[in-house]
Amino acid sequence: MQILDNITIHSNKKSSDTKNFNIVPSEFYKFNPVVDGWGEDGEPVQLNDTEQLIADKQFHLAAFNVYVSDRISPNRTLPDMRTDECANVQYNLNKIGQASIIIIYTNEIWSALIRTIWSVINRSPKQLLKEIILVDDFSDKPELKESLDNYIKYYFSDIVKIIRLEKRKGLIQARLTGAKMAQGDVLIFLDSHCEATKGWLEPLMKTISDDYRNVVCPVIDIISDKNLEYVVGNKYYFQVGGFLWTGHFAWIDVNEEQLRRKPTEVVKSPTMAGGLFAINRKHFFDIGSYDEKMEIWGGENLELSFRIWQCGSRLYIHPCSHVGHIFRDYHPYSFLGKDSHGLNTLRTVMVWMDEYSRYFFMHRIDMKNKPKYIDVSERLQLRKRLGCKSFSWYLKNVYDGKKFIYDQNVTAYGNIRNPITNLCIDNLNRDEVSKHEAGVYQCIENDLSEWTNQMFSMMTSGEIRREEGCLAIDESTNHKVIIRPCIDIDRLSRSRKRKARLRKLFQTWKHHRGGMIMNEHTNLCLTTESLKSSNDLRAVECNADDFYQIWWFKKYTNIDL
């Protein structure tokens, strides 16, 4: 291996877990021209106007700030994200096995990939680390070829191995390739733009050594895509995984007081995000690894999550293990022209969701006729061989809190029509996740078999909701009607419940068949007066004689009050 002229890099050494990285061969320095002090302790990097212009032009290369990433030391220091209780836990490292860390990448930014590797090396006890396996999913960036080989050989010797795929296979197949090559007791999958923090590995390994059927994820902390800040929040609080009927992953709240009472104990998670998790290697293959007929990316995390729970294993998040992850708004690489997420999710639905599959097909009517062309017979045989439970069992026993189902625990559902204008309450294609104004639109006729922007459910609790969003009066301007994330009082700490109870009143409504829809707290009613299609919905003083305040749901149930 040819080593070019050495360059001295001044990097702050503020913790004992950083390697000596002062001397960097220029062959590698050109890919990671470190600026002294940038990003140390996970602090955000502030750019001047000239630097910001350059950064903005490069952003699309990775969907995060490449300019900043390239100038942060691969050995940067990070905050200790553990609570005091977690930091005081002692582990017998001789009895919890060894891990194979599997990192998949395709055309990843050099600095992000290298920083991921160094963070694992620096913050993992040597005796727990069997190997790090990099699986290159057909990258074509020159620096990820010979230069990466040289870097790995120069710094990491044999502990880091590279497998290069001869054609693009996608995340799922690439992970399977890495898993089949692994020799550790435990497989730990990481994304290629992560940073492990102090004490991250031991809790994962201990949980699996306690019971090989345990599958465990770290708490995934946010690394800003804008300035690479390692965001430090409430160390005692995190969310667990849920899902939407669209087939997408979602984060759901956990009661903070419960987390504080047992700050070192694993927390049940109905699903995993999928990018970062640990599993016993033999158990991974015994329960069917990944569905090998899934392609590229997407859906595999829910499939594995459902299978883990329905087939006798358990899925947890460990509060003492923290790994930072750059969350991106879009994927900077191609899916080869395939709707891999949709088709993979369809396979998941066909195998694991039983009669509840109809809720998925409401959202994906384009998928309704495709099952007859999809062969999932091998996965159904696997489910039978493993003696797996039903999806109904999963919803009742695993999904804490009731999963929203649009036609259960409701007094009415479907579109909400004002007869005199034929306008219906409508989401107007606005973001389902964040707070936004509700609107009205010309009513769409359907038979309730399709999820539309006009689908709402009148819950027995008094909420008018879609899946994660509830209709509410805006507290700041009482006549504005919004859709915002529903408030679940039971998941909040005692200190937050009082304020949340008041806010919840703004999303609680009274309605009788063919009558007004009145907000319980403000006593204002929804109206279509002076509104046209695509206008924002309004609330006004209630008037039982005003036809603009009369509403009909598409369907009322026999528990209509």
Protein backbone atom coordinates (compact mmCIF):
# COMPACT_ATOMS: atom_id res chain seq x y z
CA MET A 1 0.00 0.00 0.00
CA GLN A 2 1.36 3.41 -0.93
CA ILE A 3 1.22 6.05 1.80
CA LEU A 4 1.58 9.64 0.63
CA ASP A 5 2.86 12.66 2.59
CA ASN A 6 1.56 12.91 6.14
CA ILE A 7 -0.56 15.84 7.29
CA THR A 8 -0.96 16.87 10.92
CA ILE A 9 -4.54 17.30 12.08
CA HIS A 10 -5.28 19.04 15.38
CA SER A 11 -8.32 17.38 16.90
CA ASN A 12 -9.64 18.11 20.38
CA LYS A 13 -9.24 15.15 22.72
CA LYS A 14 -11.90 15.72 25.32
CA SER A 15 -12.70 12.13 26.19
CA SER A 16 -10.70 8.99 26.74
CA ASP A 17 -12.55 7.07 24.03
CA THR A 18 -10.93 8.86 21.06
CA LYS A 19 -8.11 7.31 19.05
CA ASN A 20 -4.87 9.05 18.18
CA PHE A 21 -5.67 10.51 14.79
CA ASN A 22 -3.18 13.34 14.65
CA ILE A 23 -1.23 12.07 11.65
CA VAL A 24 -3.33 11.52 8.53
CA PRO A 25 -1.90 10.44 5.16
CA SER A 26 -2.85 13.03 2.56
CA GLU A 27 -4.36 10.28 0.41
CA PHE A 28 -7.18 10.24 2.95
CA TYR A 29 -7.08 13.82 4.18
CA LYS A 30 -8.37 15.13 0.85
CA PHE A 31 -11.66 13.34 1.50
CA ASN A 32 -11.94 14.60 5.09
CA PRO A 33 -10.12 17.97 5.44
CA VAL A 34 -10.72 18.38 9.15
CA VAL A 35 -11.09 21.83 10.67
CA ASP A 36 -9.81 21.93 14.24
CA GLY A 37 -12.65 21.86 16.76
CA TRP A 38 -15.57 21.63 14.36
CA GLY A 39 -18.37 19.48 15.75
CA GLU A 40 -16.50 18.49 18.93
CA ASP A 41 -18.75 17.32 21.77
CA GLY A 42 -21.50 17.08 19.16
CA GLU A 43 -21.79 20.86 18.96
CA PRO A 44 -23.41 22.41 15.85
CA VAL A 45 -21.16 23.96 13.22
CA GLN A 46 -21.99 27.51 12.21
CA LEU A 47 -20.90 28.57 8.71
CA ASN A 48 -20.22 32.02 7.31
CA ASP A 49 -22.13 33.19 4.24
CA THR A 50 -19.49 31.99 1.77
CA GLU A 51 -19.25 28.56 3.37
CA GLN A 52 -23.03 28.27 3.49
CA LEU A 53 -23.31 28.87 -0.25
CA ILE A 54 -20.86 26.04 -0.90
CA ALA A 55 -22.69 23.79 1.57
CA ASP A 56 -26.05 24.47 -0.06
CA LYS A 57 -24.69 23.41 -3.45
CA GLN A 58 -23.37 20.15 -2.03
CA PHE A 59 -26.39 19.28 0.11
CA HIS A 60 -28.09 17.18 -2.58
CA LEU A 61 -25.15 14.79 -2.70
CA ALA A 62 -26.22 13.16 0.55
CA ALA A 63 -29.37 14.94 1.74
CA PHE A 64 -27.31 16.35 4.61
CA ASN A 65 -24.60 18.97 5.02
CA VAL A 66 -21.64 17.37 3.24
CA TYR A 67 -19.45 20.46 3.62
CA VAL A 68 -19.68 20.31 7.41
CA SER A 69 -19.47 16.52 7.57
CA ASP A 70 -16.23 16.51 5.58
CA ARG A 71 -14.61 18.95 8.01
CA ILE A 72 -15.57 17.20 11.25
CA SER A 73 -12.99 14.86 12.71
CA PRO A 74 -13.82 11.18 12.24
CA ASN A 75 -12.86 10.90 15.90
CA ARG A 76 -14.98 13.75 17.18
CA THR A 77 -16.04 13.65 20.80
CA LEU A 78 -19.70 13.24 21.67
CA PRO A 79 -21.84 13.86 24.75
CA ASP A 80 -22.51 10.90 27.01
CA MET A 81 -26.20 10.31 26.39
CA ARG A 82 -26.67 7.87 29.26
CA THR A 83 -28.51 8.68 32.47
CA ASP A 84 -26.50 8.35 35.68
CA GLU A 85 -28.32 5.11 36.40
CA CYS A 86 -27.24 3.66 33.07
CA ALA A 87 -23.65 4.84 33.46
CA ASN A 88 -23.42 3.00 36.80
CA VAL A 89 -24.47 -0.40 35.42
CA GLN A 90 -21.59 -2.90 35.39
CA TYR A 91 -21.36 -5.65 32.76
CA ASN A 92 -19.45 -8.92 32.81
CA LEU A 93 -17.89 -8.62 29.38
CA ASN A 94 -16.74 -12.23 29.45
CA LYS A 95 -20.27 -13.58 29.42
CA ILE A 96 -22.22 -11.57 26.85
CA GLY A 97 -20.65 -12.75 23.59
CA GLN A 98 -19.23 -10.96 20.58
CA ALA A 99 -20.90 -8.81 17.94
CA SER A 100 -20.64 -8.55 14.18
CA ILE A 101 -21.49 -4.98 13.18
CA ILE A 102 -22.98 -4.86 9.67
CA ILE A 103 -23.01 -1.53 7.84
CA ILE A 104 -24.59 -1.24 4.39
CA TYR A 105 -23.83 1.68 2.11
CA THR A 106 -24.27 2.78 -1.45
CA ASN A 107 -22.34 5.88 -2.54
CA GLU A 108 -22.20 7.11 1.04
CA ILE A 109 -20.24 10.27 1.77
CA TRP A 110 -16.70 9.28 2.78
CA SER A 111 -16.63 11.33 5.97
CA ALA A 112 -19.98 10.00 7.23
CA LEU A 113 -19.02 6.38 6.61
CA ILE A 114 -15.58 6.76 8.22
CA ARG A 115 -17.04 8.56 11.24
CA THR A 116 -19.56 5.73 11.67
CA ILE A 117 -16.75 3.15 11.72
CA TRP A 118 -14.55 5.14 14.10
CA SER A 119 -17.41 5.72 16.53
CA VAL A 120 -17.98 1.96 16.76
CA ILE A 121 -14.26 1.20 17.14
CA ASN A 122 -13.71 3.92 19.74
CA ARG A 123 -16.72 3.18 21.91
CA SER A 124 -16.96 -0.61 21.83
CA PRO A 125 -15.03 -2.82 24.28
CA LYS A 126 -12.54 -4.75 22.17
CA GLN A 127 -13.52 -8.13 23.55
CA LEU A 128 -17.14 -7.58 22.45
CA LEU A 129 -16.26 -6.62 18.89
CA LYS A 130 -15.80 -9.62 16.63
CA GLU A 131 -15.80 -7.68 13.37
CA ILE A 132 -17.24 -4.80 11.39
CA ILE A 133 -18.56 -5.86 7.99
CA LEU A 134 -19.03 -3.18 5.37
CA VAL A 135 -21.26 -4.20 2.49
CA ASP A 136 -20.85 -1.93 -0.52
CA ASP A 137 -24.08 -2.06 -2.50
CA PHE A 138 -22.47 -1.35 -5.88
CA SER A 139 -21.10 2.14 -5.20
CA ASP A 140 -19.45 3.94 -8.09
CA LYS A 141 -17.67 6.74 -6.21
CA PRO A 142 -13.91 6.38 -6.83
CA GLU A 143 -12.96 7.14 -3.22
CA LEU A 144 -15.01 4.16 -2.03
CA LYS A 145 -12.81 1.77 -4.03
CA GLU A 146 -9.03 1.56 -3.61
CA SER A 147 -8.74 4.54 -1.27
CA LEU A 148 -11.24 3.01 1.14
CA ASP A 149 -9.39 -0.31 0.98
CA ASN A 150 -6.16 1.51 1.82
CA TYR A 151 -7.79 3.42 4.68
CA ILE A 152 -9.28 0.29 6.20
CA LYS A 153 -5.96 -1.56 5.94
CA TYR A 154 -3.99 1.37 7.34
CA TYR A 155 -6.15 1.97 10.42
CA PHE A 156 -8.21 -1.10 11.18
CA SER A 157 -6.29 -4.18 10.05
CA ASP A 158 -8.51 -7.26 9.91
CA ILE A 159 -11.34 -6.19 12.21
CA VAL A 160 -13.05 -4.25 9.39
CA LYS A 161 -13.94 -6.19 6.26
CA ILE A 162 -15.43 -4.99 3.00
CA ILE A 163 -17.81 -6.99 0.83
CA ARG A 164 -18.53 -5.46 -2.57
CA LEU A 165 -21.64 -6.53 -4.45
CA GLU A 166 -21.29 -6.96 -8.20
CA LYS A 167 -24.64 -5.32 -8.88
CA ARG A 168 -27.07 -3.14 -6.95
CA LYS A 169 -29.15 -5.35 -4.67
CA GLY A 170 -30.58 -2.89 -2.18
CA LEU A 171 -30.54 -2.75 1.60
CA ILE A 172 -32.35 -6.01 2.30
CA GLN A 173 -30.25 -8.30 0.11
CA ALA A 174 -27.06 -6.48 1.11
CA ARG A 175 -27.83 -7.04 4.77
CA LEU A 176 -28.49 -10.70 4.14
CA THR A 177 -25.11 -10.97 2.42
CA GLY A 178 -23.41 -9.42 5.43
CA ALA A 179 -25.33 -11.56 7.90
CA LYS A 180 -24.38 -14.77 6.09
CA MET A 181 -20.70 -13.80 6.28
CA ALA A 182 -20.82 -12.79 9.95
CA GLN A 183 -19.21 -14.89 12.66
CA GLY A 184 -20.25 -13.07 15.83
CA ASP A 185 -22.82 -14.33 18.33
CA VAL A 186 -24.92 -11.23 17.71
CA LEU A 187 -25.67 -9.30 14.51
CA ILE A 188 -25.91 -5.54 14.89
CA PHE A 189 -27.13 -3.61 11.87
CA LEU A 190 -26.24 0.08 11.57
CA ASP A 191 -26.78 2.71 8.90
CA SER A 192 -23.72 4.31 7.32
CA HIS A 193 -24.33 7.80 8.73
CA CYS A 194 -24.48 6.99 12.44
CA GLU A 195 -22.34 7.72 15.49
CA ALA A 196 -22.25 5.35 18.44
CA THR A 197 -21.93 6.93 21.88
CA LYS A 198 -20.22 5.77 25.05
CA GLY A 199 -21.65 2.53 26.48
CA TRP A 200 -23.83 1.82 23.46
CA LEU A 201 -22.87 -1.82 22.89
CA GLU A 202 -22.91 -3.49 26.30
CA PRO A 203 -26.67 -3.08 26.99
CA LEU A 204 -27.59 -4.57 23.61
CA MET A 205 -25.32 -7.58 24.11
CA LYS A 206 -26.47 -8.19 27.67
CA THR A 207 -30.16 -8.13 26.69
CA ILE A 208 -29.59 -10.81 24.05
CA SER A 209 -27.35 -12.91 26.30
CA ASP A 210 -30.19 -12.93 28.86
CA ASP A 211 -32.51 -14.49 26.27
CA TYR A 212 -31.59 -15.26 22.66
CA ARG A 213 -35.16 -14.46 21.60
CA ASN A 214 -34.77 -10.81 22.58
CA VAL A 215 -34.29 -8.36 19.71
CA VAL A 216 -33.16 -4.95 20.87
CA CYS A 217 -32.68 -1.48 19.39
CA PRO A 218 -30.71 1.44 20.76
CA VAL A 219 -32.35 4.77 21.42
CA ILE A 220 -31.86 6.56 18.11
CA ASP A 221 -30.77 10.15 18.73
CA ILE A 222 -30.93 12.90 16.14
CA ILE A 223 -27.87 14.24 14.36
CA SER A 224 -28.91 17.38 12.51
CA ASP A 225 -28.77 17.13 8.75
CA LYS A 226 -28.14 20.90 8.64
CA ASN A 227 -25.20 21.43 11.01
CA LEU A 228 -24.30 17.91 12.26
CA GLU A 229 -25.23 18.76 15.84
CA TYR A 230 -25.72 15.73 18.08
CA VAL A 231 -29.02 16.82 19.60
CA VAL A 232 -29.18 16.35 23.37
CA GLY A 233 -32.67 16.17 24.78
CA ASN A 234 -34.32 14.60 27.80
CA LYS A 235 -32.12 11.61 28.64
CA TYR A 236 -35.02 9.88 30.40
CA TYR A 237 -37.43 10.07 27.49
CA PHE A 238 -37.67 8.43 24.10
CA GLN A 239 -40.34 7.08 21.78
CA VAL A 240 -41.01 3.54 20.62
CA GLY A 241 -42.05 2.22 17.23
CA GLY A 242 -45.56 1.99 15.87
CA PHE A 243 -47.05 1.85 12.37
CA LEU A 244 -49.60 3.48 10.14
CA TRP A 245 -52.18 1.64 8.07
CA THR A 246 -50.40 2.98 4.99
CA GLY A 247 -47.67 0.47 5.86
CA HIS A 248 -45.21 3.07 7.13
CA PHE A 249 -43.32 3.18 10.40
CA ALA A 250 -44.27 5.82 12.99
CA TRP A 251 -42.93 6.88 16.37
CA ILE A 252 -45.34 6.70 19.32
CA ASP A 253 -45.08 8.21 22.79
CA VAL A 254 -44.29 6.38 26.01
CA ASN A 255 -45.30 7.51 29.49
CA GLU A 256 -42.26 9.41 30.77
CA GLU A 257 -42.95 8.54 34.41
CA GLN A 258 -42.75 4.85 33.59
CA LEU A 259 -39.41 5.41 31.90
CA ARG A 260 -38.07 7.33 34.90
CA ARG A 261 -39.15 4.61 37.34
CA LYS A 262 -37.07 1.99 35.52
CA PRO A 263 -34.36 3.95 33.67
CA THR A 264 -32.10 0.95 32.99
CA GLU A 265 -34.73 -1.56 31.85
CA VAL A 266 -35.69 -2.38 28.28
CA VAL A 267 -38.97 -1.01 26.95
CA LYS A 268 -41.31 -2.98 24.73
CA SER A 269 -41.57 -1.61 21.19
CA PRO A 270 -44.34 -2.80 18.82
CA THR A 271 -42.12 -2.14 15.78
CA MET A 272 -38.59 -1.04 14.93
CA ALA A 273 -37.41 1.72 12.62
CA GLY A 274 -35.25 -0.96 11.02
CA GLY A 275 -31.96 0.82 10.51
CA LEU A 276 -30.38 0.01 13.87
CA PHE A 277 -30.99 -3.19 15.81
CA ALA A 278 -29.31 -6.21 17.39
CA ILE A 279 -30.35 -9.86 17.16
CA ASN A 280 -28.85 -13.23 17.99
CA ARG A 281 -27.25 -14.46 14.75
CA LYS A 282 -28.59 -18.02 14.92
CA HIS A 283 -32.04 -16.80 15.96
CA PHE A 284 -32.10 -14.34 13.05
CA PHE A 285 -31.90 -17.21 10.60
CA ASP A 286 -34.05 -19.60 12.64
CA ILE A 287 -37.02 -17.20 12.46
CA GLY A 288 -36.60 -16.54 8.76
CA SER A 289 -34.02 -13.69 8.55
CA TYR A 290 -35.45 -11.33 5.93
CA ASP A 291 -38.02 -12.20 3.28
CA GLU A 292 -35.57 -12.89 0.44
CA LYS A 293 -38.16 -11.96 -2.18
CA MET A 294 -38.28 -8.40 -0.91
CA GLU A 295 -36.35 -5.93 -3.04
CA ILE A 296 -34.21 -2.81 -2.50
CA TRP A 297 -35.63 -1.09 0.60
CA GLY A 298 -38.78 -0.61 2.66
CA GLY A 299 -41.32 -2.72 4.50
CA GLU A 300 -38.72 -5.12 5.89
CA ASN A 301 -38.73 -3.41 9.28
CA LEU A 302 -42.48 -3.89 9.86
CA GLU A 303 -42.33 -7.45 8.49
CA LEU A 304 -39.56 -8.38 10.90
CA SER A 305 -41.28 -6.56 13.78
CA PHE A 306 -44.60 -8.35 13.32
CA ARG A 307 -42.81 -11.68 12.92
CA ILE A 308 -40.73 -11.18 16.06
CA TRP A 309 -43.80 -10.61 18.21
CA GLN A 310 -46.25 -12.98 16.52
CA CYS A 311 -43.75 -15.85 16.50
CA GLY A 312 -42.70 -15.86 20.15
CA SER A 313 -39.79 -13.40 20.33
CA ARG A 314 -39.71 -9.91 21.83
CA LEU A 315 -38.67 -6.50 20.53
CA TYR A 316 -37.25 -3.87 22.85
CA ILE A 317 -35.55 -0.49 22.97
CA HIS A 318 -32.78 -0.21 25.56
CA PRO A 319 -32.63 3.21 27.27
CA CYS A 320 -28.92 2.80 28.10
CA SER A 321 -27.82 2.37 24.48
CA HIS A 322 -27.67 5.51 22.33
CA VAL A 323 -26.67 5.84 18.69
CA GLY A 324 -26.95 9.08 16.76
CA HIS A 325 -28.37 9.02 13.25
CA ILE A 326 -28.59 11.67 10.53
CA PHE A 327 -32.27 11.81 9.66
CA ARG A 328 -32.74 12.87 6.04
CA ASP A 329 -35.78 14.30 4.31
CA TYR A 330 -35.22 12.26 1.15
CA HIS A 331 -33.09 9.45 -0.27
CA PRO A 332 -30.19 10.67 -2.43
CA TYR A 333 -30.02 7.40 -4.33
CA SER A 334 -32.23 5.52 -6.78
CA PHE A 335 -34.63 2.64 -6.11
CA LEU A 336 -34.09 1.41 -9.66
CA GLY A 337 -37.53 2.58 -10.75
CA LYS A 338 -39.35 0.18 -8.40
CA ASP A 339 -41.98 0.83 -5.76
CA SER A 340 -40.03 -1.44 -3.46
CA HIS A 341 -41.60 -0.07 -0.29
CA GLY A 342 -45.11 -0.66 -1.59
CA LEU A 343 -44.46 -4.16 -2.93
CA ASN A 344 -42.47 -5.22 0.13
CA THR A 345 -45.20 -3.93 2.40
CA LEU A 346 -47.76 -5.82 0.35
CA ARG A 347 -45.85 -9.04 1.07
CA THR A 348 -45.87 -8.13 4.76
CA VAL A 349 -49.60 -7.49 4.73
CA MET A 350 -50.37 -10.74 2.91
CA VAL A 351 -48.42 -12.87 5.37
CA TRP A 352 -48.93 -11.23 8.77
CA MET A 353 -51.95 -8.93 8.94
CA ASP A 354 -54.82 -11.37 8.38
CA GLU A 355 -58.24 -9.68 8.14
CA TYR A 356 -56.70 -6.32 9.06
CA SER A 357 -55.15 -6.19 5.61
CA ARG A 358 -58.27 -4.37 4.40
CA TYR A 359 -57.11 -1.22 6.21
CA PHE A 360 -53.90 -1.24 4.22
CA PHE A 361 -55.77 -1.72 0.95
CA MET A 362 -57.99 1.27 1.76
CA HIS A 363 -54.85 3.39 1.52
CA ARG A 364 -53.25 1.49 -1.33
CA ILE A 365 -56.09 0.75 -3.71
CA ASP A 366 -53.44 0.39 -6.41
CA MET A 367 -52.37 -2.80 -4.63
CA LYS A 368 -55.78 -4.48 -4.39
CA ASN A 369 -55.39 -6.63 -7.49
CA LYS A 370 -51.72 -7.46 -7.04
CA PRO A 371 -51.89 -10.26 -4.43
CA LYS A 372 -52.87 -12.78 -7.10
CA TYR A 373 -49.53 -12.13 -8.79
CA ILE A 374 -47.46 -12.29 -5.56
CA ASP A 375 -46.20 -15.62 -4.24
CA VAL A 376 -45.83 -15.61 -0.44
CA SER A 377 -46.34 -19.35 0.00
CA GLU A 378 -42.87 -19.88 1.52
CA ARG A 379 -43.45 -17.17 4.11
CA LEU A 380 -46.88 -18.56 4.97
CA GLN A 381 -45.25 -21.95 5.49
CA LEU A 382 -42.68 -20.30 7.74
CA ARG A 383 -45.48 -18.73 9.78
CA LYS A 384 -47.15 -22.11 10.15
CA ARG A 385 -43.90 -23.88 11.06
CA LEU A 386 -43.08 -21.31 13.73
CA GLY A 387 -46.59 -21.53 15.20
CA CYS A 388 -47.11 -17.78 15.01
CA LYS A 389 -50.04 -15.91 16.53
CA SER A 390 -52.64 -13.77 14.72
CA PHE A 391 -52.43 -10.07 13.99
CA SER A 392 -55.46 -9.60 16.23
CA TRP A 393 -53.37 -11.03 19.09
CA TYR A 394 -50.59 -8.60 18.21
CA LEU A 395 -52.91 -5.58 18.35
CA LYS A 396 -54.41 -6.67 21.67
CA ASN A 397 -51.24 -7.78 23.46
CA VAL A 398 -48.34 -5.85 21.95
CA TYR A 399 -49.64 -2.51 20.71
CA ASP A 400 -49.94 -0.49 23.93
CA GLY A 401 -52.87 1.86 23.74
CA LYS A 402 -55.53 1.19 21.14
CA LYS A 403 -54.31 1.33 17.57
CA PHE A 404 -56.59 3.64 15.61
CA ILE A 405 -59.03 1.70 13.42
CA TYR A 406 -61.38 3.97 11.55
CA ASP A 407 -64.56 1.91 12.08
CA GLN A 408 -64.00 0.68 15.64
CA ASN A 409 -64.89 2.53 18.85
CA VAL A 410 -66.71 5.11 16.76
CA THR A 411 -70.20 6.58 16.58
CA ALA A 412 -69.82 7.60 12.94
CA TYR A 413 -67.26 7.59 10.15
CA GLY A 414 -66.67 8.45 6.50
CA ASN A 415 -66.92 11.89 4.93
CA ILE A 416 -68.58 14.71 6.88
CA ARG A 417 -70.99 16.59 4.58
CA ASN A 418 -72.85 19.85 4.85
CA PRO A 419 -75.98 19.19 2.70
CA ILE A 420 -76.73 22.78 1.72
CA THR A 421 -73.31 23.37 0.13
CA ASN A 422 -72.30 19.75 -0.56
CA LEU A 423 -68.93 20.63 0.98
CA CYS A 424 -67.08 18.07 3.08
CA ILE A 425 -64.39 18.53 5.69
CA ASP A 426 -61.12 17.78 3.89
CA ASN A 427 -57.42 17.44 4.70
CA LEU A 428 -56.63 19.27 1.43
CA ASN A 429 -53.56 17.08 0.84
CA ARG A 430 -51.73 18.71 3.74
CA ASP A 431 -49.04 17.01 5.78
CA GLU A 432 -50.64 14.36 8.00
CA VAL A 433 -47.90 14.46 10.62
CA SER A 434 -47.64 18.16 11.51
CA LYS A 435 -50.24 20.69 12.63
CA HIS A 436 -52.16 22.28 9.73
CA GLU A 437 -55.45 23.96 8.94
CA ALA A 438 -58.44 21.82 8.06
CA GLY A 439 -60.38 22.71 4.95
CA VAL A 440 -63.49 21.95 2.92
CA TYR A 441 -63.81 20.49 -0.55
CA GLN A 442 -66.58 19.31 -2.84
CA CYS A 443 -67.76 15.98 -1.45
CA ILE A 444 -66.32 12.83 -2.98
CA GLU A 445 -68.72 9.90 -3.28
CA ASN A 446 -67.25 6.54 -2.31
CA ASP A 447 -68.30 3.30 -0.63
CA LEU A 448 -65.86 3.62 2.32
CA SER A 449 -63.46 1.15 0.76
CA GLU A 450 -60.94 3.89 -0.06
CA TRP A 451 -59.08 6.22 2.28
CA THR A 452 -59.49 9.80 1.06
CA ASN A 453 -58.73 13.27 2.34
CA GLN A 454 -62.36 13.36 3.54
CA MET A 455 -62.24 10.25 5.72
CA PHE A 456 -62.82 11.04 9.39
CA SER A 457 -64.02 9.05 12.39
CA MET A 458 -66.17 10.31 15.25
CA MET A 459 -64.66 8.42 18.15
CA THR A 460 -66.65 7.43 21.23
CA SER A 461 -64.13 9.57 23.13
CA GLY A 462 -65.38 12.67 21.31
CA GLU A 463 -62.40 13.06 19.00
CA ILE A 464 -62.85 13.54 15.28
CA ARG A 465 -59.71 12.03 13.84
CA ARG A 466 -57.96 10.60 10.89
CA GLU A 467 -55.18 8.21 11.90
CA GLU A 468 -52.70 10.25 13.88
CA GLY A 469 -54.36 13.65 13.48
CA CYS A 470 -57.33 15.09 15.37
CA LEU A 471 -59.65 17.94 14.43
CA ALA A 472 -59.21 20.81 16.92
CA ILE A 473 -59.88 24.47 17.55
CA ASP A 474 -56.70 26.53 17.41
CA GLU A 475 -56.21 27.89 20.95
CA SER A 476 -54.62 31.11 19.67
CA THR A 477 -57.45 32.03 17.27
CA ASN A 478 -60.68 30.34 18.23
CA HIS A 479 -62.27 30.53 14.79
CA LYS A 480 -59.47 28.61 13.08
CA VAL A 481 -59.93 24.83 12.78
CA ILE A 482 -56.82 22.68 12.59
CA ILE A 483 -55.74 19.07 12.37
CA ARG A 484 -52.91 18.26 14.77
CA PRO A 485 -51.34 15.14 16.31
CA CYS A 486 -53.85 13.63 18.73
CA ILE A 487 -53.14 14.10 22.43
CA ASP A 488 -52.93 10.84 24.39
CA ILE A 489 -53.14 11.77 28.07
CA ASP A 490 -52.19 8.29 29.27
CA ARG A 491 -48.77 8.52 27.64
CA LEU A 492 -47.82 11.78 29.34
CA SER A 493 -46.03 12.42 32.62
CA ARG A 494 -47.96 13.85 35.56
CA SER A 495 -46.36 17.26 35.08
CA ARG A 496 -47.55 17.44 31.49
CA LYS A 497 -51.01 15.95 31.98
CA ARG A 498 -52.67 19.03 33.46
CA LYS A 499 -51.81 21.27 30.52
CA ALA A 500 -52.57 18.46 28.07
CA ARG A 501 -56.06 17.93 29.53
CA LEU A 502 -56.92 21.54 28.75
CA ARG A 503 -55.47 21.26 25.24
CA LYS A 504 -57.38 18.01 24.70
CA LEU A 505 -60.67 19.85 25.28
CA PHE A 506 -59.93 21.83 22.10
CA GLN A 507 -59.99 18.52 20.17
CA THR A 508 -63.16 17.11 21.79
CA TRP A 509 -66.48 17.48 20.01
CA LYS A 510 -70.19 16.83 20.42
CA HIS A 511 -72.32 15.67 17.50
CA HIS A 512 -75.65 13.97 16.95
CA ARG A 513 -76.85 12.45 13.71
CA GLY A 514 -77.51 15.21 11.18
CA GLY A 515 -76.76 18.00 13.66
CA MET A 516 -74.11 20.53 14.59
CA ILE A 517 -70.52 19.68 15.41
CA MET A 518 -69.73 21.66 18.56
CA ASN A 519 -66.35 22.01 20.25
CA GLU A 520 -66.65 20.98 23.89
CA HIS A 521 -64.40 23.72 25.28
CA THR A 522 -65.26 26.78 23.18
CA ASN A 523 -68.90 25.92 22.38
CA LEU A 524 -68.17 26.98 18.80
CA CYS A 525 -69.61 25.05 15.86
CA LEU A 526 -68.21 24.15 12.46
CA THR A 527 -69.67 26.03 9.51
CA THR A 528 -69.48 26.25 5.71
CA GLU A 529 -71.03 29.72 5.51
CA SER A 530 -69.26 31.85 2.85
CA LEU A 531 -66.86 28.99 2.11
CA LYS A 532 -65.94 27.57 -1.27
CA SER A 533 -64.17 24.37 -2.21
CA SER A 534 -60.50 24.43 -1.03
CA ASN A 535 -61.17 27.10 1.61
CA ASP A 536 -60.11 26.62 5.23
CA LEU A 537 -62.76 25.37 7.64
CA ARG A 538 -64.10 27.81 10.26
CA ALA A 539 -65.84 27.71 13.64
CA VAL A 540 -68.49 30.24 14.69
CA GLU A 541 -71.10 30.82 17.39
CA CYS A 542 -73.53 27.90 17.37
CA ASN A 543 -76.98 28.39 15.84
CA ALA A 544 -79.27 25.37 15.63
CA ASP A 545 -81.33 27.08 12.88
CA ASP A 546 -78.31 27.67 10.63
CA PHE A 547 -78.23 25.13 7.79
CA TYR A 548 -74.52 25.88 7.21
CA GLN A 549 -73.84 24.25 10.61
CA ILE A 550 -75.60 20.96 9.81
CA TRP A 551 -73.38 17.95 9.20
CA TRP A 552 -73.90 14.33 8.22
CA PHE A 553 -71.31 11.56 8.46
CA LYS A 554 -71.38 8.99 5.67
CA LYS A 555 -72.18 6.20 8.14
CA TYR A 556 -73.48 6.11 11.70
CA THR A 557 -73.09 3.09 13.97
CA ASN A 558 -75.61 1.57 16.33
CA ILE A 559 -73.75 3.17 19.25
CA ASP A 560 -74.60 6.64 17.96
CA LEU A 561 -75.29 8.89 20.95
